[in-house]
Amino acid sequence: QVQLVESGGGLVQPGESLRLSCAASGTLSSINLAAWYRQAPGKERELVATITRSGSTNYPNPVKGRFTISRDSTKNTVYLQMDSLKPEDTAVYYCKIVSGLRSYWGQGTQVTVSS
């Protein structure tokens, strides 16, 4: 049984930074793809970052240049470094890991950006 545990969320002021972590417990054959999504109140869940097994990353325009996804394969952990945070980044952030033919989701961590 694989479980993803996210941490690192919180309340910050605009312009500050946060680093989210997503640690996978259990047995993972390999991480083919890892991603972070977010969902703000009243909005659909949206993709904010992806990283492939080869290390290729991709970001949508709203976060490009401010967010960085990375992973530590030895720890089965995925990170999301968020810099220059804006109030519109406020959301619940979820990690997703694709391993083999299965996808796993974390429970979400709240990020609030407010002055």
Protein backbone atom coordinates (compact mmCIF):
# COMPACT_ATOMS: atom_id res chain seq x y z
CA GLN A 1 0.00 0.00 0.00
CA VAL A 2 1.53 3.29 -1.12
CA GLN A 3 0.64 6.47 0.71
CA LEU A 4 1.71 10.03 -0.06
CA VAL A 5 2.13 12.46 2.80
CA GLU A 6 2.43 16.14 2.00
CA SER A 7 3.86 18.76 4.30
CA GLY A 8 5.18 22.30 4.24
CA GLY A 9 2.02 24.30 3.70
CA GLY A 10 1.11 27.31 5.77
CA LEU A 11 0.33 30.99 5.88
CA VAL A 12 2.82 33.38 4.30
CA GLN A 13 2.85 36.97 3.11
CA PRO A 14 3.03 37.95 -0.56
CA GLY A 15 6.57 37.68 -1.89
CA GLU A 16 7.63 35.00 0.57
CA SER A 17 8.55 31.39 -0.14
CA LEU A 18 7.43 27.93 0.87
CA ARG A 19 8.70 24.46 0.11
CA LEU A 20 6.23 21.62 -0.06
CA SER A 21 7.28 18.01 0.37
CA CYS A 22 5.51 14.83 -0.71
CA ALA A 23 6.91 11.66 0.81
CA ALA A 24 5.83 8.28 -0.49
CA SER A 25 5.66 5.38 1.91
CA GLY A 26 5.35 1.78 0.83
CA THR A 27 6.89 0.09 -2.16
CA LEU A 28 7.22 2.03 -5.37
CA SER A 29 8.70 0.27 -8.36
CA SER A 30 9.75 3.58 -9.88
CA ILE A 31 8.43 7.08 -10.24
CA ASN A 32 7.52 7.57 -13.88
CA LEU A 33 5.97 10.97 -13.35
CA ALA A 34 5.40 13.25 -10.38
CA ALA A 35 3.24 16.32 -10.32
CA TRP A 36 1.79 19.00 -8.11
CA TYR A 37 -1.75 20.28 -8.52
CA ARG A 38 -3.69 22.91 -6.65
CA GLN A 39 -7.33 23.67 -6.07
CA ALA A 40 -8.63 27.00 -4.89
CA PRO A 41 -12.14 27.37 -3.38
CA GLY A 42 -14.78 27.27 -6.09
CA LYS A 43 -12.26 26.41 -8.80
CA GLU A 44 -11.21 23.26 -10.58
CA ARG A 45 -8.01 21.46 -9.70
CA GLU A 46 -5.16 22.71 -11.88
CA LEU A 47 -1.73 21.40 -12.70
CA VAL A 48 1.20 23.50 -11.45
CA ALA A 49 4.29 21.39 -12.10
CA THR A 50 5.44 18.07 -13.49
CA ILE A 51 8.71 16.15 -13.48
CA THR A 52 9.39 13.05 -15.52
CA ARG A 53 11.61 10.08 -14.68
CA SER A 54 14.35 11.65 -16.77
CA GLY A 55 14.09 14.88 -14.81
CA SER A 56 12.34 16.97 -17.42
CA THR A 57 10.11 19.59 -15.83
CA ASN A 58 7.17 21.61 -17.04
CA TYR A 59 5.15 24.50 -15.61
CA PRO A 60 2.10 26.46 -16.70
CA ASN A 61 2.54 30.16 -17.29
CA PRO A 62 1.02 31.38 -13.98
CA VAL A 63 3.83 29.75 -11.96
CA LYS A 64 6.68 29.56 -14.48
CA GLY A 65 9.80 31.16 -13.10
CA ARG A 66 8.48 31.11 -9.53
CA PHE A 67 7.87 27.42 -8.79
CA THR A 68 10.41 24.61 -9.04
CA ILE A 69 9.63 20.91 -8.82
CA SER A 70 12.32 18.43 -7.85
CA ARG A 71 12.61 14.94 -6.50
CA ASP A 72 14.88 12.76 -4.42
CA SER A 73 14.50 9.26 -5.80
CA THR A 74 16.47 7.75 -2.92
CA LYS A 75 13.84 9.04 -0.51
CA ASN A 76 10.81 8.70 -2.84
CA THR A 77 10.12 12.34 -2.09
CA VAL A 78 8.98 15.12 -4.40
CA TYR A 79 9.35 18.80 -3.60
CA LEU A 80 7.76 22.02 -4.79
CA GLN A 81 9.74 25.17 -4.10
CA MET A 82 7.45 28.18 -4.37
CA ASP A 83 9.00 31.63 -4.49
CA SER A 84 7.53 35.10 -4.90
CA LEU A 85 4.18 33.83 -3.73
CA LYS A 86 1.06 35.77 -4.65
CA PRO A 87 -2.41 35.84 -3.07
CA GLU A 88 -3.72 34.00 -6.15
CA ASP A 89 -1.47 31.06 -5.26
CA THR A 90 -3.73 30.39 -2.27
CA ALA A 91 -5.08 26.86 -2.63
CA VAL A 92 -4.86 23.32 -1.38
CA TYR A 93 -1.84 21.72 -3.02
CA TYR A 94 -1.83 18.03 -3.93
CA CYS A 95 0.96 15.80 -5.13
CA LYS A 96 0.50 12.96 -7.55
CA ILE A 97 2.91 10.15 -8.35
CA VAL A 98 2.58 7.77 -11.26
CA SER A 99 4.38 4.48 -10.71
CA GLY A 100 3.94 1.70 -13.21
CA LEU A 101 0.29 1.69 -14.19
CA ARG A 102 -0.96 3.26 -10.97
CA SER A 103 -1.45 6.82 -9.79
CA TYR A 104 -1.31 7.92 -6.19
CA TRP A 105 -2.52 11.16 -4.64
CA GLY A 106 -1.66 12.91 -1.42
CA GLN A 107 -4.24 14.31 0.97
CA GLY A 108 -3.40 17.93 0.23
CA THR A 109 -1.76 20.73 2.14
CA GLN A 110 -3.15 24.25 2.51
CA VAL A 111 -1.14 27.21 1.25
CA THR A 112 -2.46 30.66 2.10
CA VAL A 113 -0.81 33.82 0.83
CA SER A 114 -2.14 36.90 2.54
CA SER A 115 -0.93 40.12 4.08
